[in-house]
Amino acid sequence: MIKAILFDLDGTFADTAPDLAAALNHVRGLYDLPPLPLEALRPQASHGSIGLLRRGFDVGPDSPNFSALREAFLAHYTAHICDRTTLFPGMAQLVDTLDQRGLPWGIVTNKPHRFTLPLMRALGYAERAACLISGDTCARAKPYPDPLLKACEIIGIAAANCIYLGDDLRDMVAAQTAGMRCIIAGYGYIDVQADLDSWRANGNVDSPLALLNHI
């Protein structure tokens, strides 16, 4: 019996790609590089600054200039965290339905808390969530199960009675390891080359409202 729903944030609960892409293109502009189209960056949005900077500058955390690029990226993103970010179509209705049914819901993301809280507040959902678990809430982030188990602890519901909705393989791995049902947010930031069958999820939805069929 499903008693709670947990959501990934970027690419599942909210469409954050426009503001993340704007931050990357701002940094590219500082180096006289042309902006990249949103659709080219959308698949990397779930991977945060590391994924976006890799796509925009072909650098990784070990690159000499990565820290400077990341600092510029995060500074811009902090100042413009919810300029164009919106909930995915149908998510507001899904949350309303969960609230009406008395089913607690929460966020479990790898996004650092300093971005998770202000973003959820800007969207108007911080106080409605039963928990907000960020990438630095626990010692280990997804794909480890720790954040999901922490969410279960906070809301007081066993993992076996929860569904986790996410758009990345690490979401499925974390949920499976935690003993939780996992559903793919097929509308999210999924690379077209991803082998979704190998994710071994319990389902795949093409819209947030379709999740109601799994409750």
C-alpha atoms as a PDB file:
ATOM      1  CA  MET A   1       0.000   0.000   0.000  1.00  0.00           C
ATOM      2  CA  ILE A   2       1.438   3.345  -1.060  1.00  0.00           C
ATOM      3  CA  LYS A   3       1.371   5.888   1.763  1.00  0.00           C
ATOM      4  CA  ALA A   4       3.798   8.580   0.508  1.00  0.00           C
ATOM      5  CA  ILE A   5       5.346   9.955  -2.675  1.00  0.00           C
ATOM      6  CA  LEU A   6       8.900  11.281  -2.986  1.00  0.00           C
ATOM      7  CA  PHE A   7      10.085  13.333  -5.943  1.00  0.00           C
ATOM      8  CA  ASP A   8      13.404  14.179  -7.481  1.00  0.00           C
ATOM      9  CA  LEU A   9      13.552  17.950  -8.078  1.00  0.00           C
ATOM     10  CA  ASP A  10      15.340  18.866 -11.320  1.00  0.00           C
ATOM     11  CA  GLY A  11      13.644  17.197 -14.264  1.00  0.00           C
ATOM     12  CA  THR A  12      10.886  15.602 -12.178  1.00  0.00           C
ATOM     13  CA  PHE A  13       9.127  18.069  -9.881  1.00  0.00           C
ATOM     14  CA  ALA A  14      10.224  21.252 -11.637  1.00  0.00           C
ATOM     15  CA  ASP A  15      11.545  22.224 -15.056  1.00  0.00           C
ATOM     16  CA  THR A  16      14.727  23.958 -13.901  1.00  0.00           C
ATOM     17  CA  ALA A  17      16.592  23.595 -17.188  1.00  0.00           C
ATOM     18  CA  PRO A  18      15.873  27.137 -18.475  1.00  0.00           C
ATOM     19  CA  ASP A  19      17.588  28.796 -15.505  1.00  0.00           C
ATOM     20  CA  LEU A  20      20.433  26.258 -15.397  1.00  0.00           C
ATOM     21  CA  ALA A  21      21.044  26.709 -19.115  1.00  0.00           C
ATOM     22  CA  ALA A  22      20.961  30.490 -18.712  1.00  0.00           C
ATOM     23  CA  ALA A  23      23.661  30.222 -16.034  1.00  0.00           C
ATOM     24  CA  LEU A  24      25.861  28.142 -18.309  1.00  0.00           C
ATOM     25  CA  ASN A  25      25.376  30.467 -21.270  1.00  0.00           C
ATOM     26  CA  HIS A  26      26.184  33.435 -19.033  1.00  0.00           C
ATOM     27  CA  VAL A  27      29.542  31.854 -18.236  1.00  0.00           C
ATOM     28  CA  ARG A  28      30.117  31.003 -21.900  1.00  0.00           C
ATOM     29  CA  GLY A  29      29.489  34.651 -22.680  1.00  0.00           C
ATOM     30  CA  LEU A  30      32.217  35.659 -20.235  1.00  0.00           C
ATOM     31  CA  TYR A  31      34.617  33.701 -22.461  1.00  0.00           C
ATOM     32  CA  ASP A  32      33.189  35.095 -25.718  1.00  0.00           C
ATOM     33  CA  LEU A  33      31.528  31.791 -26.582  1.00  0.00           C
ATOM     34  CA  PRO A  34      28.096  31.695 -28.242  1.00  0.00           C
ATOM     35  CA  PRO A  35      25.112  30.425 -26.245  1.00  0.00           C
ATOM     36  CA  LEU A  36      24.058  26.810 -26.593  1.00  0.00           C
ATOM     37  CA  PRO A  37      20.387  26.021 -27.287  1.00  0.00           C
ATOM     38  CA  LEU A  38      18.246  24.934 -24.365  1.00  0.00           C
ATOM     39  CA  GLU A  39      17.383  21.595 -25.935  1.00  0.00           C
ATOM     40  CA  ALA A  40      21.068  20.731 -26.230  1.00  0.00           C
ATOM     41  CA  LEU A  41      21.536  21.393 -22.510  1.00  0.00           C
ATOM     42  CA  ARG A  42      18.287  19.954 -21.139  1.00  0.00           C
ATOM     43  CA  PRO A  43      19.581  16.328 -20.864  1.00  0.00           C
ATOM     44  CA  GLN A  44      22.417  17.575 -18.615  1.00  0.00           C
ATOM     45  CA  ALA A  45      20.230  19.628 -16.300  1.00  0.00           C
ATOM     46  CA  SER A  46      19.780  16.752 -13.828  1.00  0.00           C
ATOM     47  CA  HIS A  47      23.556  16.512 -13.478  1.00  0.00           C
ATOM     48  CA  GLY A  48      23.958  20.022 -12.113  1.00  0.00           C
ATOM     49  CA  SER A  49      26.991  22.219 -12.617  1.00  0.00           C
ATOM     50  CA  ILE A  50      29.323  19.307 -13.352  1.00  0.00           C
ATOM     51  CA  GLY A  51      27.223  17.969 -16.210  1.00  0.00           C
ATOM     52  CA  LEU A  52      26.475  21.393 -17.655  1.00  0.00           C
ATOM     53  CA  LEU A  53      30.054  22.640 -17.485  1.00  0.00           C
ATOM     54  CA  ARG A  54      31.223  19.429 -19.096  1.00  0.00           C
ATOM     55  CA  ARG A  55      28.776  20.039 -21.933  1.00  0.00           C
ATOM     56  CA  GLY A  56      29.537  23.740 -22.236  1.00  0.00           C
ATOM     57  CA  PHE A  57      33.318  23.747 -21.746  1.00  0.00           C
ATOM     58  CA  ASP A  58      34.429  20.105 -22.010  1.00  0.00           C
ATOM     59  CA  VAL A  59      35.871  20.263 -18.486  1.00  0.00           C
ATOM     60  CA  GLY A  60      35.521  18.137 -15.368  1.00  0.00           C
ATOM     61  CA  PRO A  61      36.229  18.614 -11.664  1.00  0.00           C
ATOM     62  CA  ASP A  62      39.895  17.767 -12.238  1.00  0.00           C
ATOM     63  CA  SER A  63      40.355  20.466 -14.884  1.00  0.00           C
ATOM     64  CA  PRO A  64      42.510  23.448 -13.809  1.00  0.00           C
ATOM     65  CA  ASN A  65      39.832  26.045 -14.604  1.00  0.00           C
ATOM     66  CA  PHE A  66      36.830  24.076 -13.334  1.00  0.00           C
ATOM     67  CA  SER A  67      36.599  25.851  -9.968  1.00  0.00           C
ATOM     68  CA  ALA A  68      36.521  29.303 -11.539  1.00  0.00           C
ATOM     69  CA  LEU A  69      33.914  28.243 -14.097  1.00  0.00           C
ATOM     70  CA  ARG A  70      31.767  26.600 -11.439  1.00  0.00           C
ATOM     71  CA  GLU A  71      31.979  29.640  -9.167  1.00  0.00           C
ATOM     72  CA  ALA A  72      30.765  31.903 -11.978  1.00  0.00           C
ATOM     73  CA  PHE A  73      28.025  29.424 -12.882  1.00  0.00           C
ATOM     74  CA  LEU A  74      26.729  29.113  -9.316  1.00  0.00           C
ATOM     75  CA  ALA A  75      26.862  32.867  -8.692  1.00  0.00           C
ATOM     76  CA  HIS A  76      24.612  33.502 -11.684  1.00  0.00           C
ATOM     77  CA  TYR A  77      22.310  30.613 -10.828  1.00  0.00           C
ATOM     78  CA  THR A  78      21.933  31.806  -7.228  1.00  0.00           C
ATOM     79  CA  ALA A  79      20.817  35.227  -8.430  1.00  0.00           C
ATOM     80  CA  HIS A  80      18.420  33.827 -11.034  1.00  0.00           C
ATOM     81  CA  ILE A  81      17.311  30.534  -9.481  1.00  0.00           C
ATOM     82  CA  CYS A  82      13.640  30.880 -10.376  1.00  0.00           C
ATOM     83  CA  ASP A  83      13.435  33.363 -13.243  1.00  0.00           C
ATOM     84  CA  ARG A  84      11.986  30.821 -15.685  1.00  0.00           C
ATOM     85  CA  THR A  85      11.704  27.647 -13.618  1.00  0.00           C
ATOM     86  CA  THR A  86       8.180  26.223 -13.409  1.00  0.00           C
ATOM     87  CA  LEU A  87       6.508  23.042 -12.259  1.00  0.00           C
ATOM     88  CA  PHE A  88       6.057  20.473 -14.996  1.00  0.00           C
ATOM     89  CA  PRO A  89       2.522  20.505 -16.440  1.00  0.00           C
ATOM     90  CA  GLY A  90       0.258  18.485 -14.195  1.00  0.00           C
ATOM     91  CA  MET A  91       2.560  18.527 -11.157  1.00  0.00           C
ATOM     92  CA  ALA A  92       0.522  21.166  -9.306  1.00  0.00           C
ATOM     93  CA  GLN A  93      -2.627  19.107  -9.832  1.00  0.00           C
ATOM     94  CA  LEU A  94      -0.828  15.949  -8.689  1.00  0.00           C
ATOM     95  CA  VAL A  95       0.355  17.598  -5.476  1.00  0.00           C
ATOM     96  CA  ASP A  96      -3.129  18.984  -4.823  1.00  0.00           C
ATOM     97  CA  THR A  97      -4.553  15.486  -5.250  1.00  0.00           C
ATOM     98  CA  LEU A  98      -1.979  13.988  -2.886  1.00  0.00           C
ATOM     99  CA  ASP A  99      -2.801  16.640  -0.294  1.00  0.00           C
ATOM    100  CA  GLN A 100      -6.524  15.987  -0.682  1.00  0.00           C
ATOM    101  CA  ARG A 101      -5.970  12.263  -0.178  1.00  0.00           C
ATOM    102  CA  GLY A 102      -3.803  12.866   2.877  1.00  0.00           C
ATOM    103  CA  LEU A 103      -0.731  11.336   1.243  1.00  0.00           C
ATOM    104  CA  PRO A 104       2.486  13.083   2.356  1.00  0.00           C
ATOM    105  CA  TRP A 105       4.984  13.976  -0.340  1.00  0.00           C
ATOM    106  CA  GLY A 106       8.525  15.262  -0.291  1.00  0.00           C
ATOM    107  CA  ILE A 107      11.586  16.166  -2.303  1.00  0.00           C
ATOM    108  CA  VAL A 108      14.772  14.084  -2.419  1.00  0.00           C
ATOM    109  CA  THR A 109      17.360  15.708  -4.661  1.00  0.00           C
ATOM    110  CA  ASN A 110      21.110  15.863  -5.142  1.00  0.00           C
ATOM    111  CA  LYS A 111      20.813  19.642  -5.405  1.00  0.00           C
ATOM    112  CA  PRO A 112      22.615  21.336  -2.468  1.00  0.00           C
ATOM    113  CA  HIS A 113      20.371  22.665   0.297  1.00  0.00           C
ATOM    114  CA  ARG A 114      21.395  26.264  -0.414  1.00  0.00           C
ATOM    115  CA  PHE A 115      19.602  25.936  -3.744  1.00  0.00           C
ATOM    116  CA  THR A 116      16.840  23.462  -2.858  1.00  0.00           C
ATOM    117  CA  LEU A 117      15.222  25.560  -0.133  1.00  0.00           C
ATOM    118  CA  PRO A 118      15.149  28.940  -1.936  1.00  0.00           C
ATOM    119  CA  LEU A 119      13.919  27.307  -5.137  1.00  0.00           C
ATOM    120  CA  MET A 120      11.101  25.453  -3.397  1.00  0.00           C
ATOM    121  CA  ARG A 121      10.186  28.648  -1.562  1.00  0.00           C
ATOM    122  CA  ALA A 122      10.133  30.623  -4.811  1.00  0.00           C
ATOM    123  CA  LEU A 123       7.869  27.981  -6.336  1.00  0.00           C
ATOM    124  CA  GLY A 124       5.603  28.160  -3.273  1.00  0.00           C
ATOM    125  CA  TYR A 125       5.960  24.532  -2.178  1.00  0.00           C
ATOM    126  CA  ALA A 126       8.611  24.536   0.552  1.00  0.00           C
ATOM    127  CA  GLU A 127       6.098  24.602   3.400  1.00  0.00           C
ATOM    128  CA  ARG A 128       3.782  22.051   1.772  1.00  0.00           C
ATOM    129  CA  ALA A 129       6.444  19.354   1.420  1.00  0.00           C
ATOM    130  CA  ALA A 130       6.671  16.803   4.214  1.00  0.00           C
ATOM    131  CA  CYS A 131      10.451  16.783   3.772  1.00  0.00           C
ATOM    132  CA  LEU A 132      13.150  18.499   1.728  1.00  0.00           C
ATOM    133  CA  ILE A 133      16.191  16.252   1.413  1.00  0.00           C
ATOM    134  CA  SER A 134      19.117  17.780  -0.462  1.00  0.00           C
ATOM    135  CA  GLY A 135      22.365  16.405  -1.830  1.00  0.00           C
ATOM    136  CA  ASP A 136      24.236  17.476   1.296  1.00  0.00           C
ATOM    137  CA  THR A 137      21.624  16.421   3.867  1.00  0.00           C
ATOM    138  CA  CYS A 138      23.289  13.027   4.296  1.00  0.00           C
ATOM    139  CA  ALA A 139      26.924  12.006   4.088  1.00  0.00           C
ATOM    140  CA  ARG A 140      26.161  10.177   0.844  1.00  0.00           C
ATOM    141  CA  ALA A 141      23.864  11.408  -1.939  1.00  0.00           C
ATOM    142  CA  LYS A 142      22.068   9.372  -4.601  1.00  0.00           C
ATOM    143  CA  PRO A 143      22.715   6.769  -6.002  1.00  0.00           C
ATOM    144  CA  TYR A 144      23.177   5.722  -2.369  1.00  0.00           C
ATOM    145  CA  PRO A 145      19.874   5.063  -0.585  1.00  0.00           C
ATOM    146  CA  ASP A 146      20.716   7.261   2.408  1.00  0.00           C
ATOM    147  CA  PRO A 147      18.697  10.355   1.332  1.00  0.00           C
ATOM    148  CA  LEU A 148      15.596   8.294   0.595  1.00  0.00           C
ATOM    149  CA  LEU A 149      15.856   6.466   3.902  1.00  0.00           C
ATOM    150  CA  LYS A 150      16.290   9.818   5.664  1.00  0.00           C
ATOM    151  CA  ALA A 151      13.094  11.026   4.004  1.00  0.00           C
ATOM    152  CA  CYS A 152      11.269   7.934   5.237  1.00  0.00           C
ATOM    153  CA  GLU A 153      12.566   8.594   8.744  1.00  0.00           C
ATOM    154  CA  ILE A 154      11.320  12.182   8.678  1.00  0.00           C
ATOM    155  CA  ILE A 155       7.848  11.394   7.345  1.00  0.00           C
ATOM    156  CA  GLY A 156       7.541   8.257   9.451  1.00  0.00           C
ATOM    157  CA  ILE A 157       6.643   5.898   6.612  1.00  0.00           C
ATOM    158  CA  ALA A 158       8.485   2.708   5.628  1.00  0.00           C
ATOM    159  CA  ALA A 159      10.329   2.670   2.314  1.00  0.00           C
ATOM    160  CA  ALA A 160       8.200  -0.256   1.132  1.00  0.00           C
ATOM    161  CA  ASN A 161       5.161   2.030   1.318  1.00  0.00           C
ATOM    162  CA  CYS A 162       6.702   4.841  -0.739  1.00  0.00           C
ATOM    163  CA  ILE A 163       7.087   5.617  -4.429  1.00  0.00           C
ATOM    164  CA  TYR A 164      10.053   7.587  -5.728  1.00  0.00           C
ATOM    165  CA  LEU A 165       9.633   9.435  -9.017  1.00  0.00           C
ATOM    166  CA  GLY A 166      12.850  10.434 -10.800  1.00  0.00           C
ATOM    167  CA  ASP A 167      14.368  10.973 -14.221  1.00  0.00           C
ATOM    168  CA  ASP A 168      17.849   9.496 -13.805  1.00  0.00           C
ATOM    169  CA  LEU A 169      19.359   6.044 -13.352  1.00  0.00           C
ATOM    170  CA  ARG A 170      20.790   7.066  -9.966  1.00  0.00           C
ATOM    171  CA  ASP A 171      17.226   7.739  -8.794  1.00  0.00           C
ATOM    172  CA  MET A 172      16.184   4.195  -9.641  1.00  0.00           C
ATOM    173  CA  VAL A 173      19.305   2.673  -8.064  1.00  0.00           C
ATOM    174  CA  ALA A 174      18.805   4.635  -4.848  1.00  0.00           C
ATOM    175  CA  ALA A 175      15.146   3.683  -4.600  1.00  0.00           C
ATOM    176  CA  GLN A 176      15.753   0.019  -5.357  1.00  0.00           C
ATOM    177  CA  THR A 177      18.524  -0.177  -2.764  1.00  0.00           C
ATOM    178  CA  ALA A 178      16.255   1.509  -0.226  1.00  0.00           C
ATOM    179  CA  GLY A 179      13.514  -1.050  -0.900  1.00  0.00           C
ATOM    180  CA  MET A 180      11.214   1.535  -2.465  1.00  0.00           C
ATOM    181  CA  ARG A 181       9.099   1.404  -5.607  1.00  0.00           C
ATOM    182  CA  CYS A 182      10.617   3.560  -8.333  1.00  0.00           C
ATOM    183  CA  ILE A 183       8.907   5.187 -11.306  1.00  0.00           C
ATOM    184  CA  ILE A 184      10.655   6.917 -14.208  1.00  0.00           C
ATOM    185  CA  ALA A 185       9.592  10.491 -14.962  1.00  0.00           C
ATOM    186  CA  GLY A 186       9.601   9.895 -18.707  1.00  0.00           C
ATOM    187  CA  TYR A 187       8.841  13.565 -19.334  1.00  0.00           C
ATOM    188  CA  GLY A 188      12.072  14.650 -17.592  1.00  0.00           C
ATOM    189  CA  TYR A 189      15.692  15.199 -18.569  1.00  0.00           C
ATOM    190  CA  ILE A 190      16.375  11.773 -20.014  1.00  0.00           C
ATOM    191  CA  ASP A 191      18.977  11.320 -22.742  1.00  0.00           C
ATOM    192  CA  VAL A 192      17.470   9.845 -25.898  1.00  0.00           C
ATOM    193  CA  GLN A 193      20.174   7.163 -25.827  1.00  0.00           C
ATOM    194  CA  ALA A 194      19.297   5.978 -22.320  1.00  0.00           C
ATOM    195  CA  ASP A 195      18.338   2.303 -22.061  1.00  0.00           C
ATOM    196  CA  LEU A 196      15.356   2.656 -19.754  1.00  0.00           C
ATOM    197  CA  ASP A 197      14.713  -1.089 -19.637  1.00  0.00           C
ATOM    198  CA  SER A 198      18.063  -1.543 -17.893  1.00  0.00           C
ATOM    199  CA  TRP A 199      16.927   0.821 -15.120  1.00  0.00           C
ATOM    200  CA  ARG A 200      14.595  -1.944 -13.808  1.00  0.00           C
ATOM    201  CA  ALA A 201      11.965   0.572 -12.703  1.00  0.00           C
ATOM    202  CA  ASN A 202       8.437  -0.319 -11.607  1.00  0.00           C
ATOM    203  CA  GLY A 203       6.940   1.936 -14.246  1.00  0.00           C
ATOM    204  CA  ASN A 204       7.383   4.911 -16.554  1.00  0.00           C
ATOM    205  CA  VAL A 205       5.015   7.888 -16.716  1.00  0.00           C
ATOM    206  CA  ASP A 206       4.778  10.483 -19.463  1.00  0.00           C
ATOM    207  CA  SER A 207       3.213  13.100 -17.187  1.00  0.00           C
ATOM    208  CA  PRO A 208       3.046  13.755 -13.444  1.00  0.00           C
ATOM    209  CA  LEU A 209      -0.673  13.034 -13.265  1.00  0.00           C
ATOM    210  CA  ALA A 210      -0.068   9.568 -14.724  1.00  0.00           C
ATOM    211  CA  LEU A 211       1.599   8.693 -11.418  1.00  0.00           C
ATOM    212  CA  LEU A 212      -1.865   8.429  -9.879  1.00  0.00           C
ATOM    213  CA  ASN A 213      -2.254   5.142 -11.783  1.00  0.00           C
ATOM    214  CA  HIS A 214       0.508   3.671  -9.580  1.00  0.00           C
ATOM    215  CA  ILE A 215      -0.956   4.714  -6.233  1.00  0.00           C
END
